[in-house]
């Protein structure tokens, strides 16, 4: 037998703005990391990969 569960959610003042800013910041970091992977900084030494 399946039961329905009802939840009442009350968001604090400014929640939507804080959530949106956090999402934008996370997306920005993801894009920056993807760019670093595609175009590594030539000044940084290459990672050593174990051969086995």
PDB file of N, CA and C in Angstrom:
ATOM      1  N   UNK A   1       0.850  -1.186   0.000  1.00  0.00           N
ATOM      2  CA  UNK A   1       0.000   0.000   0.000  1.00  0.00           C
ATOM      3  C   UNK A   1       0.890   1.242   0.000  1.00  0.00           C
ATOM      4  N   UNK A   2       0.565   2.189  -0.846  1.00  0.00           N
ATOM      5  CA  UNK A   2       1.343   3.406  -0.991  1.00  0.00           C
ATOM      6  C   UNK A   2       0.682   4.521  -0.179  1.00  0.00           C
ATOM      7  N   UNK A   3       1.497   5.229   0.626  1.00  0.00           N
ATOM      8  CA  UNK A   3       0.981   6.338   1.419  1.00  0.00           C
ATOM      9  C   UNK A   3       1.515   7.647   0.883  1.00  0.00           C
ATOM     10  N   UNK A   4       0.693   8.661   0.899  1.00  0.00           N
ATOM     11  CA  UNK A   4       1.139  10.007   0.549  1.00  0.00           C
ATOM     12  C   UNK A   4       1.688  10.674   1.796  1.00  0.00           C
ATOM     13  N   UNK A   5       2.804  11.347   1.633  1.00  0.00           N
ATOM     14  CA  UNK A   5       3.398  12.094   2.735  1.00  0.00           C
ATOM     15  C   UNK A   5       3.337  13.563   2.365  1.00  0.00           C
ATOM     16  N   UNK A   6       2.762  14.359   3.242  1.00  0.00           N
ATOM     17  CA  UNK A   6       2.643  15.790   2.991  1.00  0.00           C
ATOM     18  C   UNK A   6       3.679  16.528   3.831  1.00  0.00           C
ATOM     19  N   UNK A   7       4.352  17.473   3.186  1.00  0.00           N
ATOM     20  CA  UNK A   7       5.399  18.238   3.853  1.00  0.00           C
ATOM     21  C   UNK A   7       5.094  19.720   3.668  1.00  0.00           C
ATOM     22  N   UNK A   8       5.207  20.456   4.740  1.00  0.00           N
ATOM     23  CA  UNK A   8       5.048  21.908   4.658  1.00  0.00           C
ATOM     24  C   UNK A   8       6.434  22.517   4.834  1.00  0.00           C
ATOM     25  N   UNK A   9       6.841  23.331   3.877  1.00  0.00           N
ATOM     26  CA  UNK A   9       8.183  23.896   3.871  1.00  0.00           C
ATOM     27  C   UNK A   9       8.084  25.411   3.951  1.00  0.00           C
ATOM     28  N   UNK A  10       8.805  25.996   4.889  1.00  0.00           N
ATOM     29  CA  UNK A  10       8.850  27.449   5.013  1.00  0.00           C
ATOM     30  C   UNK A  10      10.292  27.890   4.804  1.00  0.00           C
ATOM     31  N   UNK A  11      10.511  28.708   3.792  1.00  0.00           N
ATOM     32  CA  UNK A  11      11.856  29.173   3.475  1.00  0.00           C
ATOM     33  C   UNK A  11      12.145  30.481   4.203  1.00  0.00           C
ATOM     34  N   UNK A  12      13.382  30.631   4.633  1.00  0.00           N
ATOM     35  CA  UNK A  12      13.760  31.846   5.354  1.00  0.00           C
ATOM     36  C   UNK A  12      13.883  33.026   4.390  1.00  0.00           C
ATOM     37  N   UNK A  13      13.869  34.203   4.940  1.00  0.00           N
ATOM     38  CA  UNK A  13      14.000  35.445   4.174  1.00  0.00           C
ATOM     39  C   UNK A  13      15.306  35.425   3.374  1.00  0.00           C
ATOM     40  N   UNK A  14      15.234  35.716   2.108  1.00  0.00           N
ATOM     41  CA  UNK A  14      16.423  35.794   1.264  1.00  0.00           C
ATOM     42  C   UNK A  14      16.929  34.454   0.753  1.00  0.00           C
ATOM     43  N   UNK A  15      16.214  33.380   1.027  1.00  0.00           N
ATOM     44  CA  UNK A  15      16.665  32.046   0.626  1.00  0.00           C
ATOM     45  C   UNK A  15      16.864  31.956  -0.887  1.00  0.00           C
ATOM     46  N   UNK A  16      15.899  32.424  -1.646  1.00  0.00           N
ATOM     47  CA  UNK A  16      15.968  32.288  -3.107  1.00  0.00           C
ATOM     48  C   UNK A  16      17.206  32.987  -3.661  1.00  0.00           C
ATOM     49  N   UNK A  17      17.510  34.172  -3.151  1.00  0.00           N
ATOM     50  CA  UNK A  17      18.681  34.913  -3.624  1.00  0.00           C
ATOM     51  C   UNK A  17      19.981  34.178  -3.263  1.00  0.00           C
ATOM     52  N   UNK A  18      20.071  33.677  -2.020  1.00  0.00           N
ATOM     53  CA  UNK A  18      21.280  32.953  -1.601  1.00  0.00           C
ATOM     54  C   UNK A  18      21.458  31.668  -2.408  1.00  0.00           C
ATOM     55  N   UNK A  19      20.361  30.967  -2.645  1.00  0.00           N
ATOM     56  CA  UNK A  19      20.412  29.727  -3.415  1.00  0.00           C
ATOM     57  C   UNK A  19      20.875  30.001  -4.844  1.00  0.00           C
ATOM     58  N   UNK A  20      20.327  31.039  -5.457  1.00  0.00           N
ATOM     59  CA  UNK A  20      20.690  31.397  -6.828  1.00  0.00           C
ATOM     60  C   UNK A  20      22.168  31.761  -6.911  1.00  0.00           C
ATOM     61  N   UNK A  21      22.659  32.563  -5.958  1.00  0.00           N
ATOM     62  CA  UNK A  21      24.077  32.940  -5.956  1.00  0.00           C
ATOM     63  C   UNK A  21      24.971  31.717  -5.811  1.00  0.00           C
ATOM     64  N   UNK A  22      24.583  30.789  -4.952  1.00  0.00           N
ATOM     65  CA  UNK A  22      25.373  29.572  -4.741  1.00  0.00           C
ATOM     66  C   UNK A  22      25.410  28.727  -6.020  1.00  0.00           C
ATOM     67  N   UNK A  23      24.295  28.629  -6.723  1.00  0.00           N
ATOM     68  CA  UNK A  23      24.245  27.866  -7.974  1.00  0.00           C
ATOM     69  C   UNK A  23      25.139  28.501  -9.030  1.00  0.00           C
ATOM     70  N   UNK A  24      25.092  29.817  -9.143  1.00  0.00           N
ATOM     71  CA  UNK A  24      25.926  30.530 -10.115  1.00  0.00           C
ATOM     72  C   UNK A  24      27.403  30.339  -9.787  1.00  0.00           C
ATOM     73  N   UNK A  25      27.754  30.425  -8.507  1.00  0.00           N
ATOM     74  CA  UNK A  25      29.144  30.248  -8.092  1.00  0.00           C
ATOM     75  C   UNK A  25      29.634  28.829  -8.403  1.00  0.00           C
ATOM     76  N   UNK A  26      28.808  27.822  -8.136  1.00  0.00           N
ATOM     77  CA  UNK A  26      29.177  26.435  -8.424  1.00  0.00           C
ATOM     78  C   UNK A  26      29.361  26.229  -9.927  1.00  0.00           C
ATOM     79  N   UNK A  27      28.489  26.797 -10.727  1.00  0.00           N
ATOM     80  CA  UNK A  27      28.596  26.665 -12.178  1.00  0.00           C
ATOM     81  C   UNK A  27      29.854  27.360 -12.688  1.00  0.00           C
ATOM     82  N   UNK A  28      30.163  28.518 -12.138  1.00  0.00           N
ATOM     83  CA  UNK A  28      31.353  29.265 -12.539  1.00  0.00           C
ATOM     84  C   UNK A  28      32.622  28.447 -12.234  1.00  0.00           C
ATOM     85  N   UNK A  29      32.677  27.837 -11.048  1.00  0.00           N
ATOM     86  CA  UNK A  29      33.836  27.022 -10.683  1.00  0.00           C
ATOM     87  C   UNK A  29      33.963  25.813 -11.609  1.00  0.00           C
ATOM     88  N   UNK A  30      32.832  25.199 -11.953  1.00  0.00           N
ATOM     89  CA  UNK A  30      32.860  24.043 -12.837  1.00  0.00           C
ATOM     90  C   UNK A  30      33.419  24.429 -14.202  1.00  0.00           C
ATOM     91  N   UNK A  31      32.991  25.565 -14.733  1.00  0.00           N
ATOM     92  CA  UNK A  31      33.480  26.030 -16.035  1.00  0.00           C
ATOM     93  C   UNK A  31      34.975  26.337 -15.956  1.00  0.00           C
ATOM     94  N   UNK A  32      35.407  26.996 -14.869  1.00  0.00           N
ATOM     95  CA  UNK A  32      36.829  27.308 -14.709  1.00  0.00           C
ATOM     96  C   UNK A  32      37.668  26.038 -14.658  1.00  0.00           C
ATOM     97  N   UNK A  33      37.196  25.019 -13.932  1.00  0.00           N
ATOM     98  CA  UNK A  33      37.929  23.759 -13.842  1.00  0.00           C
ATOM     99  C   UNK A  33      37.989  23.053 -15.195  1.00  0.00           C
ATOM    100  N   UNK A  34      36.905  23.116 -15.954  1.00  0.00           N
ATOM    101  CA  UNK A  34      36.899  22.502 -17.277  1.00  0.00           C
ATOM    102  C   UNK A  34      37.881  23.210 -18.197  1.00  0.00           C
ATOM    103  N   UNK A  35      37.957  24.529 -18.100  1.00  0.00           N
ATOM    104  CA  UNK A  35      38.897  25.295 -18.914  1.00  0.00           C
ATOM    105  C   UNK A  35      40.338  24.938 -18.546  1.00  0.00           C
ATOM    106  N   UNK A  36      40.622  24.774 -17.251  1.00  0.00           N
ATOM    107  CA  UNK A  36      41.972  24.410 -16.811  1.00  0.00           C
ATOM    108  C   UNK A  36      42.362  23.045 -17.354  1.00  0.00           C
ATOM    109  N   UNK A  37      41.402  22.110 -17.407  1.00  0.00           N
ATOM    110  CA  UNK A  37      41.690  20.780 -17.931  1.00  0.00           C
ATOM    111  C   UNK A  37      41.976  20.823 -19.429  1.00  0.00           C
ATOM    112  N   UNK A  38      41.285  21.664 -20.148  1.00  0.00           N
ATOM    113  CA  UNK A  38      41.480  21.769 -21.601  1.00  0.00           C
ATOM    114  C   UNK A  38      42.762  22.516 -21.951  1.00  0.00           C
ATOM    115  N   UNK A  39      43.073  23.548 -21.149  1.00  0.00           N
ATOM    116  CA  UNK A  39      44.228  24.398 -21.420  1.00  0.00           C
ATOM    117  C   UNK A  39      45.072  24.518 -20.158  1.00  0.00           C
ATOM    118  N   UNK A  40      45.834  23.473 -19.848  1.00  0.00           N
ATOM    119  CA  UNK A  40      46.628  23.520 -18.617  1.00  0.00           C
ATOM    120  C   UNK A  40      47.670  24.631 -18.661  1.00  0.00           C
ATOM    121  N   UNK A  41      47.987  25.168 -17.515  1.00  0.00           N
ATOM    122  CA  UNK A  41      48.966  26.237 -17.388  1.00  0.00           C
ATOM    123  C   UNK A  41      50.352  25.661 -17.694  1.00  0.00           C
ATOM    124  N   UNK A  42      51.032  26.152 -18.713  1.00  0.00           N
ATOM    125  CA  UNK A  42      52.341  25.593 -19.070  1.00  0.00           C
ATOM    126  C   UNK A  42      53.393  25.822 -17.984  1.00  0.00           C
ATOM    127  N   UNK A  43      53.164  26.744 -17.076  1.00  0.00           N
ATOM    128  CA  UNK A  43      54.116  27.012 -16.008  1.00  0.00           C
ATOM    129  C   UNK A  43      54.073  25.936 -14.929  1.00  0.00           C
ATOM    130  N   UNK A  44      52.985  25.178 -14.873  1.00  0.00           N
ATOM    131  CA  UNK A  44      52.860  24.114 -13.878  1.00  0.00           C
ATOM    132  C   UNK A  44      53.454  22.829 -14.418  1.00  0.00           C
ATOM    133  N   UNK A  45      54.152  22.072 -13.579  1.00  0.00           N
ATOM    134  CA  UNK A  45      54.717  20.800 -14.054  1.00  0.00           C
ATOM    135  C   UNK A  45      53.607  19.795 -14.348  1.00  0.00           C
ATOM    136  N   UNK A  46      53.858  18.950 -15.316  1.00  0.00           N
ATOM    137  CA  UNK A  46      52.868  17.922 -15.683  1.00  0.00           C
ATOM    138  C   UNK A  46      52.789  16.889 -14.575  1.00  0.00           C
ATOM    139  N   UNK A  47      51.598  16.325 -14.410  1.00  0.00           N
ATOM    140  CA  UNK A  47      51.430  15.271 -13.393  1.00  0.00           C
ATOM    141  C   UNK A  47      52.111  13.997 -13.873  1.00  0.00           C
ATOM    142  N   UNK A  48      52.733  13.304 -12.941  1.00  0.00           N
ATOM    143  CA  UNK A  48      53.361  12.024 -13.285  1.00  0.00           C
ATOM    144  C   UNK A  48      52.296  10.936 -13.237  1.00  0.00           C
ATOM    145  N   UNK A  49      52.305  10.098 -14.233  1.00  0.00           N
ATOM    146  CA  UNK A  49      51.342   9.005 -14.304  1.00  0.00           C
ATOM    147  C   UNK A  49      52.102   7.709 -14.101  1.00  0.00           C
ATOM    148  N   UNK A  50      51.637   6.906 -13.182  1.00  0.00           N
ATOM    149  CA  UNK A  50      52.304   5.627 -12.899  1.00  0.00           C
ATOM    150  C   UNK A  50      52.132   4.685 -14.077  1.00  0.00           C
ATOM    151  N   UNK A  51      53.210   4.098 -14.495  1.00  0.00           N
ATOM    152  CA  UNK A  51      53.175   3.131 -15.597  1.00  0.00           C
ATOM    153  C   UNK A  51      53.229   1.740 -14.969  1.00  0.00           C
ATOM    154  N   UNK A  52      52.317   0.896 -15.350  1.00  0.00           N
ATOM    155  CA  UNK A  52      52.359  -0.407 -14.704  1.00  0.00           C
ATOM    156  C   UNK A  52      51.839  -1.504 -15.493  1.00  0.00           C
TER     157      UNK A  52
END
